């Protein structure tokens, strides 16, 4: 039987409160007048990946824990409005939430409310196994309950990807995710030596592909032992926000990879989607469409093929 789900997303459902600030880091002051204002919307890493692959035409399903609260209602509404199948597990501590401070240049500082999680939080084994059995691939967000789901996914035989975000290459919390995934995404922001960390992940774990994104400097791609640089792509409009760019990169990379594309072309997909995401304000939850992605990729390939740079 053919799987019913192309990408099963585990974890990363939550709500962000967006605050635009005049600069980052924000100097101490008694008060600030904020424009365009302060807004709360559903959408954390797993939500963005689920939306990203859904907009790219892949069949997706999202599994995570959410609370019976206003924030949970926002998460449920997002999935309902965007036609993203969502299996929710009750979270007694309440839906995950964060505050994102966004500077004028689009950089972001995220403050996560760590009080929502409990050591005993788990995704039910029977649910994980059933969804994994119906899936081609699983993308795992690095939240606590998902670490316990990794062995179940491996037993089911699905390929796995994960995003380590701003890992420093040392914190042991990230290792169970880094070493169990077939595709590993990580931001180069906090890595002292990106190549060394990437090769270490590949040597000690299962990863066939490791990608270290570097914002305007492009990305580093390690595939089949060869490290290459992936140039950044010029955004189609003004950069307003970097929120969700890494999730967009991962979503588009997975589209190419599941379609059997070469890793470098997958990375080009990711670069185009990530650049597009930087043009979307944090107060919106949106993603590039498959048609726009493939059109932009075709334009770039034609340009480079004609001797452009």
C-alpha atoms as a PDB file:
ATOM      1  CA  UNK A   1       0.000   0.000   0.000  1.00  0.00           C
ATOM      2  CA  UNK A   2       1.189   3.512  -0.802  1.00  0.00           C
ATOM      3  CA  UNK A   3       1.614   5.800   2.231  1.00  0.00           C
ATOM      4  CA  UNK A   4      -1.180   8.313   2.798  1.00  0.00           C
ATOM      5  CA  UNK A   5       1.201  10.965   4.200  1.00  0.00           C
ATOM      6  CA  UNK A   6       4.272  12.410   2.503  1.00  0.00           C
ATOM      7  CA  UNK A   7       5.585  14.298   5.532  1.00  0.00           C
ATOM      8  CA  UNK A   8       4.584  13.603   9.118  1.00  0.00           C
ATOM      9  CA  UNK A   9       5.566  16.573  11.300  1.00  0.00           C
ATOM     10  CA  UNK A  10       6.087  15.854  14.993  1.00  0.00           C
ATOM     11  CA  UNK A  11       6.137  18.660  17.566  1.00  0.00           C
ATOM     12  CA  UNK A  12       6.495  22.403  17.244  1.00  0.00           C
ATOM     13  CA  UNK A  13       2.867  23.507  17.572  1.00  0.00           C
ATOM     14  CA  UNK A  14       2.443  26.726  19.486  1.00  0.00           C
ATOM     15  CA  UNK A  15       1.712  30.432  19.607  1.00  0.00           C
ATOM     16  CA  UNK A  16       4.005  33.437  19.222  1.00  0.00           C
ATOM     17  CA  UNK A  17       3.477  36.998  20.389  1.00  0.00           C
ATOM     18  CA  UNK A  18       5.230  39.322  17.935  1.00  0.00           C
ATOM     19  CA  UNK A  19       6.760  42.568  19.184  1.00  0.00           C
ATOM     20  CA  UNK A  20       8.520  44.874  16.723  1.00  0.00           C
ATOM     21  CA  UNK A  21      11.323  46.731  18.491  1.00  0.00           C
ATOM     22  CA  UNK A  22      13.426  49.698  17.317  1.00  0.00           C
ATOM     23  CA  UNK A  23      16.684  47.745  17.584  1.00  0.00           C
ATOM     24  CA  UNK A  24      18.290  44.506  18.782  1.00  0.00           C
ATOM     25  CA  UNK A  25      19.714  44.163  21.328  1.00  0.00           C
ATOM     26  CA  UNK A  26      17.079  46.339  22.953  1.00  0.00           C
ATOM     27  CA  UNK A  27      18.601  48.899  25.356  1.00  0.00           C
ATOM     28  CA  UNK A  28      17.042  49.111  28.785  1.00  0.00           C
ATOM     29  CA  UNK A  29      14.296  51.698  29.120  1.00  0.00           C
ATOM     30  CA  UNK A  30      11.236  52.159  31.278  1.00  0.00           C
ATOM     31  CA  UNK A  31       8.967  51.917  28.237  1.00  0.00           C
ATOM     32  CA  UNK A  32       8.838  51.866  24.444  1.00  0.00           C
ATOM     33  CA  UNK A  33       6.116  52.918  22.029  1.00  0.00           C
ATOM     34  CA  UNK A  34       5.766  50.038  19.570  1.00  0.00           C
ATOM     35  CA  UNK A  35       4.691  50.185  15.941  1.00  0.00           C
ATOM     36  CA  UNK A  36       3.123  48.441  14.078  1.00  0.00           C
ATOM     37  CA  UNK A  37       2.011  46.953  17.392  1.00  0.00           C
ATOM     38  CA  UNK A  38       1.941  43.691  19.323  1.00  0.00           C
ATOM     39  CA  UNK A  39       0.126  40.692  17.869  1.00  0.00           C
ATOM     40  CA  UNK A  40      -0.339  37.058  18.879  1.00  0.00           C
ATOM     41  CA  UNK A  41      -0.750  34.360  16.247  1.00  0.00           C
ATOM     42  CA  UNK A  42      -0.436  30.603  15.941  1.00  0.00           C
ATOM     43  CA  UNK A  43       2.728  29.306  14.352  1.00  0.00           C
ATOM     44  CA  UNK A  44       5.922  27.807  15.740  1.00  0.00           C
ATOM     45  CA  UNK A  45       8.491  25.602  14.010  1.00  0.00           C
ATOM     46  CA  UNK A  46       6.314  22.530  13.456  1.00  0.00           C
ATOM     47  CA  UNK A  47       3.363  24.627  12.340  1.00  0.00           C
ATOM     48  CA  UNK A  48       5.535  26.416   9.781  1.00  0.00           C
ATOM     49  CA  UNK A  49       7.003  23.183   8.380  1.00  0.00           C
ATOM     50  CA  UNK A  50       3.554  21.596   8.146  1.00  0.00           C
ATOM     51  CA  UNK A  51       2.231  24.687   6.367  1.00  0.00           C
ATOM     52  CA  UNK A  52       5.307  24.856   4.143  1.00  0.00           C
ATOM     53  CA  UNK A  53       5.087  21.303   2.829  1.00  0.00           C
ATOM     54  CA  UNK A  54       1.305  21.587   2.521  1.00  0.00           C
ATOM     55  CA  UNK A  55       1.621  24.701   0.330  1.00  0.00           C
ATOM     56  CA  UNK A  56       4.204  22.853  -1.770  1.00  0.00           C
ATOM     57  CA  UNK A  57       1.663  20.165  -2.587  1.00  0.00           C
ATOM     58  CA  UNK A  58       2.873  17.425  -0.257  1.00  0.00           C
ATOM     59  CA  UNK A  59       0.423  15.470   1.863  1.00  0.00           C
ATOM     60  CA  UNK A  60       1.200  16.374   5.437  1.00  0.00           C
ATOM     61  CA  UNK A  61       0.006  15.504   8.914  1.00  0.00           C
ATOM     62  CA  UNK A  62       0.962  17.260  12.130  1.00  0.00           C
ATOM     63  CA  UNK A  63       1.176  15.534  15.522  1.00  0.00           C
ATOM     64  CA  UNK A  64       1.817  17.401  18.752  1.00  0.00           C
ATOM     65  CA  UNK A  65       0.624  18.241  22.244  1.00  0.00           C
ATOM     66  CA  UNK A  66      -1.518  21.341  22.827  1.00  0.00           C
ATOM     67  CA  UNK A  67      -3.531  22.687  25.721  1.00  0.00           C
ATOM     68  CA  UNK A  68      -7.233  23.240  26.227  1.00  0.00           C
ATOM     69  CA  UNK A  69      -6.781  27.005  26.193  1.00  0.00           C
ATOM     70  CA  UNK A  70      -7.070  30.088  24.006  1.00  0.00           C
ATOM     71  CA  UNK A  71      -3.641  29.471  22.515  1.00  0.00           C
ATOM     72  CA  UNK A  72      -4.625  25.919  21.644  1.00  0.00           C
ATOM     73  CA  UNK A  73      -7.708  27.275  19.899  1.00  0.00           C
ATOM     74  CA  UNK A  74      -5.459  29.457  17.734  1.00  0.00           C
ATOM     75  CA  UNK A  75      -3.341  26.445  16.776  1.00  0.00           C
ATOM     76  CA  UNK A  76      -6.406  24.364  15.959  1.00  0.00           C
ATOM     77  CA  UNK A  77      -7.870  27.193  13.881  1.00  0.00           C
ATOM     78  CA  UNK A  78      -4.654  27.573  11.874  1.00  0.00           C
ATOM     79  CA  UNK A  79      -4.659  23.892  10.926  1.00  0.00           C
ATOM     80  CA  UNK A  80      -8.358  23.925  10.145  1.00  0.00           C
ATOM     81  CA  UNK A  81      -8.149  27.043   7.967  1.00  0.00           C
ATOM     82  CA  UNK A  82      -5.101  25.757   6.059  1.00  0.00           C
ATOM     83  CA  UNK A  83      -6.496  22.208   5.684  1.00  0.00           C
ATOM     84  CA  UNK A  84      -3.597  20.622   7.564  1.00  0.00           C
ATOM     85  CA  UNK A  85      -4.625  17.353   9.273  1.00  0.00           C
ATOM     86  CA  UNK A  86      -3.731  17.663  12.944  1.00  0.00           C
ATOM     87  CA  UNK A  87      -3.644  15.018  15.655  1.00  0.00           C
ATOM     88  CA  UNK A  88      -3.520  16.742  19.015  1.00  0.00           C
ATOM     89  CA  UNK A  89      -2.555  15.198  22.340  1.00  0.00           C
ATOM     90  CA  UNK A  90      -3.664  17.019  25.530  1.00  0.00           C
ATOM     91  CA  UNK A  91      -0.897  19.049  27.142  1.00  0.00           C
ATOM     92  CA  UNK A  92      -1.649  19.665  30.801  1.00  0.00           C
ATOM     93  CA  UNK A  93       0.786  22.567  31.112  1.00  0.00           C
ATOM     94  CA  UNK A  94      -0.930  24.515  28.354  1.00  0.00           C
ATOM     95  CA  UNK A  95      -0.058  25.267  24.734  1.00  0.00           C
ATOM     96  CA  UNK A  96       3.544  26.245  24.068  1.00  0.00           C
ATOM     97  CA  UNK A  97       4.071  29.944  23.603  1.00  0.00           C
ATOM     98  CA  UNK A  98       6.845  32.437  22.975  1.00  0.00           C
ATOM     99  CA  UNK A  99       7.531  36.137  22.544  1.00  0.00           C
ATOM    100  CA  UNK A 100       9.472  37.162  19.426  1.00  0.00           C
ATOM    101  CA  UNK A 101      11.250  40.503  19.425  1.00  0.00           C
ATOM    102  CA  UNK A 102      11.789  41.549  15.795  1.00  0.00           C
ATOM    103  CA  UNK A 103      14.232  44.307  14.839  1.00  0.00           C
ATOM    104  CA  UNK A 104      14.014  46.674  11.838  1.00  0.00           C
ATOM    105  CA  UNK A 105      16.463  44.506   9.867  1.00  0.00           C
ATOM    106  CA  UNK A 106      14.293  41.403  10.323  1.00  0.00           C
ATOM    107  CA  UNK A 107      16.461  39.746  12.959  1.00  0.00           C
ATOM    108  CA  UNK A 108      14.590  37.961  15.725  1.00  0.00           C
ATOM    109  CA  UNK A 109      15.080  37.213  19.408  1.00  0.00           C
ATOM    110  CA  UNK A 110      12.747  34.502  20.731  1.00  0.00           C
ATOM    111  CA  UNK A 111      11.782  34.116  24.389  1.00  0.00           C
ATOM    112  CA  UNK A 112      10.275  30.661  24.990  1.00  0.00           C
ATOM    113  CA  UNK A 113       8.019  29.932  27.951  1.00  0.00           C
ATOM    114  CA  UNK A 114       9.666  26.802  29.340  1.00  0.00           C
ATOM    115  CA  UNK A 115       7.067  26.377  32.090  1.00  0.00           C
ATOM    116  CA  UNK A 116       4.611  24.625  29.740  1.00  0.00           C
ATOM    117  CA  UNK A 117       6.506  21.346  29.425  1.00  0.00           C
ATOM    118  CA  UNK A 118       6.665  18.463  31.882  1.00  0.00           C
ATOM    119  CA  UNK A 119       9.267  15.710  32.096  1.00  0.00           C
ATOM    120  CA  UNK A 120       6.476  13.152  31.725  1.00  0.00           C
ATOM    121  CA  UNK A 121       5.043  14.627  28.502  1.00  0.00           C
ATOM    122  CA  UNK A 122       4.919  11.959  25.790  1.00  0.00           C
ATOM    123  CA  UNK A 123       3.405  11.380  22.373  1.00  0.00           C
ATOM    124  CA  UNK A 124       1.466   8.087  22.672  1.00  0.00           C
ATOM    125  CA  UNK A 125       3.372   5.183  21.122  1.00  0.00           C
ATOM    126  CA  UNK A 126       0.312   3.742  19.435  1.00  0.00           C
ATOM    127  CA  UNK A 127      -0.408   7.085  17.746  1.00  0.00           C
ATOM    128  CA  UNK A 128       3.195   7.607  16.610  1.00  0.00           C
ATOM    129  CA  UNK A 129       3.395   4.059  15.227  1.00  0.00           C
ATOM    130  CA  UNK A 130       0.101   4.344  13.348  1.00  0.00           C
ATOM    131  CA  UNK A 131       0.969   7.664  11.725  1.00  0.00           C
ATOM    132  CA  UNK A 132       4.532   6.587  10.949  1.00  0.00           C
ATOM    133  CA  UNK A 133       3.231   3.466   9.225  1.00  0.00           C
ATOM    134  CA  UNK A 134       1.199   5.696   6.901  1.00  0.00           C
ATOM    135  CA  UNK A 135       4.078   8.111   6.132  1.00  0.00           C
ATOM    136  CA  UNK A 136       6.951   8.392   3.696  1.00  0.00           C
ATOM    137  CA  UNK A 137       8.988  10.728   5.869  1.00  0.00           C
ATOM    138  CA  UNK A 138       8.945  12.319   9.331  1.00  0.00           C
ATOM    139  CA  UNK A 139      10.219  15.758  10.251  1.00  0.00           C
ATOM    140  CA  UNK A 140      10.893  16.007  13.986  1.00  0.00           C
ATOM    141  CA  UNK A 141      10.999  19.262  15.949  1.00  0.00           C
ATOM    142  CA  UNK A 142      13.426  19.264  18.886  1.00  0.00           C
ATOM    143  CA  UNK A 143      10.819  19.407  21.640  1.00  0.00           C
ATOM    144  CA  UNK A 144      11.094  17.124  24.649  1.00  0.00           C
ATOM    145  CA  UNK A 145       8.308  14.600  23.842  1.00  0.00           C
ATOM    146  CA  UNK A 146       9.645  14.084  20.318  1.00  0.00           C
ATOM    147  CA  UNK A 147      12.952  12.660  21.550  1.00  0.00           C
ATOM    148  CA  UNK A 148      11.066   9.604  22.805  1.00  0.00           C
ATOM    149  CA  UNK A 149       9.352   9.199  19.439  1.00  0.00           C
ATOM    150  CA  UNK A 150      12.592   8.929  17.436  1.00  0.00           C
ATOM    151  CA  UNK A 151      13.164   5.181  18.085  1.00  0.00           C
ATOM    152  CA  UNK A 152       9.544   4.459  17.112  1.00  0.00           C
ATOM    153  CA  UNK A 153      10.033   6.253  13.812  1.00  0.00           C
ATOM    154  CA  UNK A 154      13.201   4.302  13.136  1.00  0.00           C
ATOM    155  CA  UNK A 155      11.369   1.033  13.837  1.00  0.00           C
ATOM    156  CA  UNK A 156       8.653   2.069  11.372  1.00  0.00           C
ATOM    157  CA  UNK A 157      11.262   2.477   8.657  1.00  0.00           C
ATOM    158  CA  UNK A 158      10.471   6.077   7.706  1.00  0.00           C
ATOM    159  CA  UNK A 159      13.255   8.485   6.894  1.00  0.00           C
ATOM    160  CA  UNK A 160      13.708  11.314   9.405  1.00  0.00           C
ATOM    161  CA  UNK A 161      14.766  14.941   9.257  1.00  0.00           C
ATOM    162  CA  UNK A 162      15.241  17.410  12.078  1.00  0.00           C
ATOM    163  CA  UNK A 163      16.267  21.031  12.565  1.00  0.00           C
ATOM    164  CA  UNK A 164      18.708  21.768  15.399  1.00  0.00           C
ATOM    165  CA  UNK A 165      18.188  25.533  14.970  1.00  0.00           C
ATOM    166  CA  UNK A 166      20.894  27.576  16.734  1.00  0.00           C
ATOM    167  CA  UNK A 167      22.755  24.605  18.260  1.00  0.00           C
ATOM    168  CA  UNK A 168      26.266  25.368  19.448  1.00  0.00           C
ATOM    169  CA  UNK A 169      27.515  21.881  18.580  1.00  0.00           C
ATOM    170  CA  UNK A 170      28.030  21.070  22.265  1.00  0.00           C
ATOM    171  CA  UNK A 171      24.706  21.087  24.142  1.00  0.00           C
ATOM    172  CA  UNK A 172      23.850  17.386  24.699  1.00  0.00           C
ATOM    173  CA  UNK A 173      20.086  18.022  24.471  1.00  0.00           C
ATOM    174  CA  UNK A 174      20.297  18.150  20.670  1.00  0.00           C
ATOM    175  CA  UNK A 175      22.348  14.986  20.149  1.00  0.00           C
ATOM    176  CA  UNK A 176      19.505  12.413  20.164  1.00  0.00           C
ATOM    177  CA  UNK A 177      17.918  14.345  17.312  1.00  0.00           C
ATOM    178  CA  UNK A 178      21.155  15.034  15.429  1.00  0.00           C
ATOM    179  CA  UNK A 179      22.377  11.439  15.521  1.00  0.00           C
ATOM    180  CA  UNK A 180      19.068   9.699  14.686  1.00  0.00           C
ATOM    181  CA  UNK A 181      18.054  11.734  11.632  1.00  0.00           C
ATOM    182  CA  UNK A 182      18.815  11.045   7.976  1.00  0.00           C
ATOM    183  CA  UNK A 183      18.741  14.753   7.120  1.00  0.00           C
ATOM    184  CA  UNK A 184      19.926  17.339   9.638  1.00  0.00           C
ATOM    185  CA  UNK A 185      19.365  21.076   9.341  1.00  0.00           C
ATOM    186  CA  UNK A 186      21.190  23.468  11.654  1.00  0.00           C
ATOM    187  CA  UNK A 187      21.838  27.194  11.755  1.00  0.00           C
ATOM    188  CA  UNK A 188      25.503  28.157  11.525  1.00  0.00           C
ATOM    189  CA  UNK A 189      24.876  31.121  13.844  1.00  0.00           C
ATOM    190  CA  UNK A 190      26.287  29.562  17.033  1.00  0.00           C
ATOM    191  CA  UNK A 191      28.740  27.106  15.451  1.00  0.00           C
ATOM    192  CA  UNK A 192      32.410  27.923  15.952  1.00  0.00           C
ATOM    193  CA  UNK A 193      33.362  25.581  13.093  1.00  0.00           C
ATOM    194  CA  UNK A 194      30.347  24.602  10.948  1.00  0.00           C
ATOM    195  CA  UNK A 195      32.250  22.075   8.829  1.00  0.00           C
ATOM    196  CA  UNK A 196      33.623  20.246  11.850  1.00  0.00           C
ATOM    197  CA  UNK A 197      30.179  20.034  13.449  1.00  0.00           C
ATOM    198  CA  UNK A 198      28.572  18.877  10.210  1.00  0.00           C
ATOM    199  CA  UNK A 199      31.154  16.147   9.666  1.00  0.00           C
ATOM    200  CA  UNK A 200      30.873  15.069  13.297  1.00  0.00           C
ATOM    201  CA  UNK A 201      27.090  14.674  12.926  1.00  0.00           C
ATOM    202  CA  UNK A 202      27.583  12.603   9.782  1.00  0.00           C
ATOM    203  CA  UNK A 203      30.369  10.455  11.259  1.00  0.00           C
ATOM    204  CA  UNK A 204      28.645   9.637  14.548  1.00  0.00           C
ATOM    205  CA  UNK A 205      25.043   9.498  13.386  1.00  0.00           C
ATOM    206  CA  UNK A 206      22.864   8.338  10.512  1.00  0.00           C
ATOM    207  CA  UNK A 207      22.750  11.571   8.542  1.00  0.00           C
ATOM    208  CA  UNK A 208      23.272  11.253   4.811  1.00  0.00           C
ATOM    209  CA  UNK A 209      22.814  14.992   4.386  1.00  0.00           C
ATOM    210  CA  UNK A 210      23.685  17.851   6.754  1.00  0.00           C
ATOM    211  CA  UNK A 211      22.805  21.457   5.944  1.00  0.00           C
ATOM    212  CA  UNK A 212      24.056  24.463   7.901  1.00  0.00           C
ATOM    213  CA  UNK A 213      22.124  27.585   6.921  1.00  0.00           C
ATOM    214  CA  UNK A 214      23.920  30.912   7.186  1.00  0.00           C
ATOM    215  CA  UNK A 215      21.313  33.534   6.288  1.00  0.00           C
ATOM    216  CA  UNK A 216      22.567  36.094   3.779  1.00  0.00           C
ATOM    217  CA  UNK A 217      25.785  34.069   3.416  1.00  0.00           C
ATOM    218  CA  UNK A 218      23.900  31.128   1.953  1.00  0.00           C
ATOM    219  CA  UNK A 219      24.276  27.601   3.308  1.00  0.00           C
ATOM    220  CA  UNK A 220      26.778  24.775   3.663  1.00  0.00           C
ATOM    221  CA  UNK A 221      25.759  21.378   2.285  1.00  0.00           C
ATOM    222  CA  UNK A 222      27.411  18.102   3.282  1.00  0.00           C
ATOM    223  CA  UNK A 223      26.295  15.188   1.090  1.00  0.00           C
ATOM    224  CA  UNK A 224      28.151  11.966   0.332  1.00  0.00           C
ATOM    225  CA  UNK A 225      31.158  13.321   2.209  1.00  0.00           C
ATOM    226  CA  UNK A 226      31.484  16.410   0.000  1.00  0.00           C
ATOM    227  CA  UNK A 227      31.048  19.872   1.470  1.00  0.00           C
ATOM    228  CA  UNK A 228      29.766  22.553  -0.893  1.00  0.00           C
ATOM    229  CA  UNK A 229      28.569  26.127  -0.519  1.00  0.00           C
ATOM    230  CA  UNK A 230      25.046  27.055  -1.581  1.00  0.00           C
ATOM    231  CA  UNK A 231      24.785  30.762  -2.486  1.00  0.00           C
ATOM    232  CA  UNK A 232      22.056  32.886  -0.952  1.00  0.00           C
ATOM    233  CA  UNK A 233      19.102  33.835  -3.135  1.00  0.00           C
ATOM    234  CA  UNK A 234      17.932  37.426  -3.480  1.00  0.00           C
ATOM    235  CA  UNK A 235      14.475  37.774  -1.876  1.00  0.00           C
ATOM    236  CA  UNK A 236      11.656  38.737  -4.257  1.00  0.00           C
ATOM    237  CA  UNK A 237      10.780  41.760  -2.093  1.00  0.00           C
ATOM    238  CA  UNK A 238      12.152  43.730   0.861  1.00  0.00           C
ATOM    239  CA  UNK A 239      13.348  41.698   3.841  1.00  0.00           C
ATOM    240  CA  UNK A 240      11.054  42.350   6.800  1.00  0.00           C
ATOM    241  CA  UNK A 241      11.497  39.320   9.040  1.00  0.00           C
ATOM    242  CA  UNK A 242      13.673  36.207   9.321  1.00  0.00           C
ATOM    243  CA  UNK A 243      11.042  34.322  11.328  1.00  0.00           C
ATOM    244  CA  UNK A 244      10.247  30.988   9.685  1.00  0.00           C
ATOM    245  CA  UNK A 245      13.043  31.178   7.088  1.00  0.00           C
ATOM    246  CA  UNK A 246      14.746  28.029   8.375  1.00  0.00           C
ATOM    247  CA  UNK A 247      11.458  26.129   8.438  1.00  0.00           C
ATOM    248  CA  UNK A 248      10.739  27.262   4.873  1.00  0.00           C
ATOM    249  CA  UNK A 249      14.208  26.107   3.789  1.00  0.00           C
ATOM    250  CA  UNK A 250      13.627  22.673   5.321  1.00  0.00           C
ATOM    251  CA  UNK A 251      10.157  22.338   3.774  1.00  0.00           C
ATOM    252  CA  UNK A 252      11.334  23.098   0.256  1.00  0.00           C
ATOM    253  CA  UNK A 253      14.455  20.945   0.643  1.00  0.00           C
ATOM    254  CA  UNK A 254      12.216  18.029   1.583  1.00  0.00           C
ATOM    255  CA  UNK A 255      10.062  18.602  -1.500  1.00  0.00           C
ATOM    256  CA  UNK A 256      13.108  18.182  -3.711  1.00  0.00           C
ATOM    257  CA  UNK A 257      14.489  15.270  -1.745  1.00  0.00           C
ATOM    258  CA  UNK A 258      11.226  13.313  -1.785  1.00  0.00           C
ATOM    259  CA  UNK A 259      11.030  13.958  -5.540  1.00  0.00           C
ATOM    260  CA  UNK A 260      14.483  12.392  -5.971  1.00  0.00           C
ATOM    261  CA  UNK A 261      16.346  15.600  -6.793  1.00  0.00           C
ATOM    262  CA  UNK A 262      20.093  16.046  -6.335  1.00  0.00           C
ATOM    263  CA  UNK A 263      20.983  17.486  -2.875  1.00  0.00           C
ATOM    264  CA  UNK A 264      22.345  20.693  -4.423  1.00  0.00           C
ATOM    265  CA  UNK A 265      19.055  21.288  -6.238  1.00  0.00           C
ATOM    266  CA  UNK A 266      17.184  20.522  -3.006  1.00  0.00           C
ATOM    267  CA  UNK A 267      19.310  23.173  -1.321  1.00  0.00           C
ATOM    268  CA  UNK A 268      18.436  25.638  -4.092  1.00  0.00           C
ATOM    269  CA  UNK A 269      14.764  24.901  -3.410  1.00  0.00           C
ATOM    270  CA  UNK A 270      15.437  25.640   0.254  1.00  0.00           C
ATOM    271  CA  UNK A 271      17.290  28.875  -0.467  1.00  0.00           C
ATOM    272  CA  UNK A 272      14.447  30.171  -2.640  1.00  0.00           C
ATOM    273  CA  UNK A 273      11.798  29.310  -0.036  1.00  0.00           C
ATOM    274  CA  UNK A 274      13.870  30.758   2.805  1.00  0.00           C
ATOM    275  CA  UNK A 275      14.370  34.022   0.919  1.00  0.00           C
ATOM    276  CA  UNK A 276      10.636  34.237   0.263  1.00  0.00           C
ATOM    277  CA  UNK A 277       9.894  33.694   3.958  1.00  0.00           C
ATOM    278  CA  UNK A 278      12.046  36.726   4.846  1.00  0.00           C
ATOM    279  CA  UNK A 279       9.568  38.941   2.985  1.00  0.00           C
ATOM    280  CA  UNK A 280       6.603  37.852   5.145  1.00  0.00           C
ATOM    281  CA  UNK A 281       5.957  39.781   8.394  1.00  0.00           C
ATOM    282  CA  UNK A 282       6.031  37.732  11.604  1.00  0.00           C
ATOM    283  CA  UNK A 283       2.415  38.665  12.214  1.00  0.00           C
ATOM    284  CA  UNK A 284       1.429  36.556   9.170  1.00  0.00           C
ATOM    285  CA  UNK A 285       1.627  32.801   8.686  1.00  0.00           C
ATOM    286  CA  UNK A 286       2.324  32.151   5.031  1.00  0.00           C
ATOM    287  CA  UNK A 287       4.546  30.041   2.754  1.00  0.00           C
ATOM    288  CA  UNK A 288       5.671  29.934  -0.855  1.00  0.00           C
ATOM    289  CA  UNK A 289       3.518  27.918  -3.263  1.00  0.00           C
ATOM    290  CA  UNK A 290       4.844  25.033  -5.326  1.00  0.00           C
ATOM    291  CA  UNK A 291       4.209  26.919  -8.549  1.00  0.00           C
ATOM    292  CA  UNK A 292       6.090  30.018  -7.395  1.00  0.00           C
ATOM    293  CA  UNK A 293       8.971  27.963  -5.999  1.00  0.00           C
ATOM    294  CA  UNK A 294       9.507  25.952  -9.175  1.00  0.00           C
ATOM    295  CA  UNK A 295       9.132  29.058 -11.349  1.00  0.00           C
ATOM    296  CA  UNK A 296      11.758  30.921  -9.330  1.00  0.00           C
ATOM    297  CA  UNK A 297      14.119  27.931  -9.378  1.00  0.00           C
ATOM    298  CA  UNK A 298      13.739  27.642 -13.178  1.00  0.00           C
ATOM    299  CA  UNK A 299      14.562  31.349 -13.569  1.00  0.00           C
ATOM    300  CA  UNK A 300      17.686  31.024 -11.431  1.00  0.00           C
ATOM    301  CA  UNK A 301      18.878  27.912 -13.229  1.00  0.00           C
ATOM    302  CA  UNK A 302      18.375  29.604 -16.601  1.00  0.00           C
ATOM    303  CA  UNK A 303      20.262  32.659 -15.364  1.00  0.00           C
ATOM    304  CA  UNK A 304      23.207  30.665 -14.043  1.00  0.00           C
ATOM    305  CA  UNK A 305      23.166  28.417 -17.090  1.00  0.00           C
ATOM    306  CA  UNK A 306      23.499  31.524 -19.266  1.00  0.00           C
ATOM    307  CA  UNK A 307      26.626  32.644 -17.420  1.00  0.00           C
ATOM    308  CA  UNK A 308      25.014  34.796 -14.705  1.00  0.00           C
ATOM    309  CA  UNK A 309      26.281  34.919 -11.135  1.00  0.00           C
END
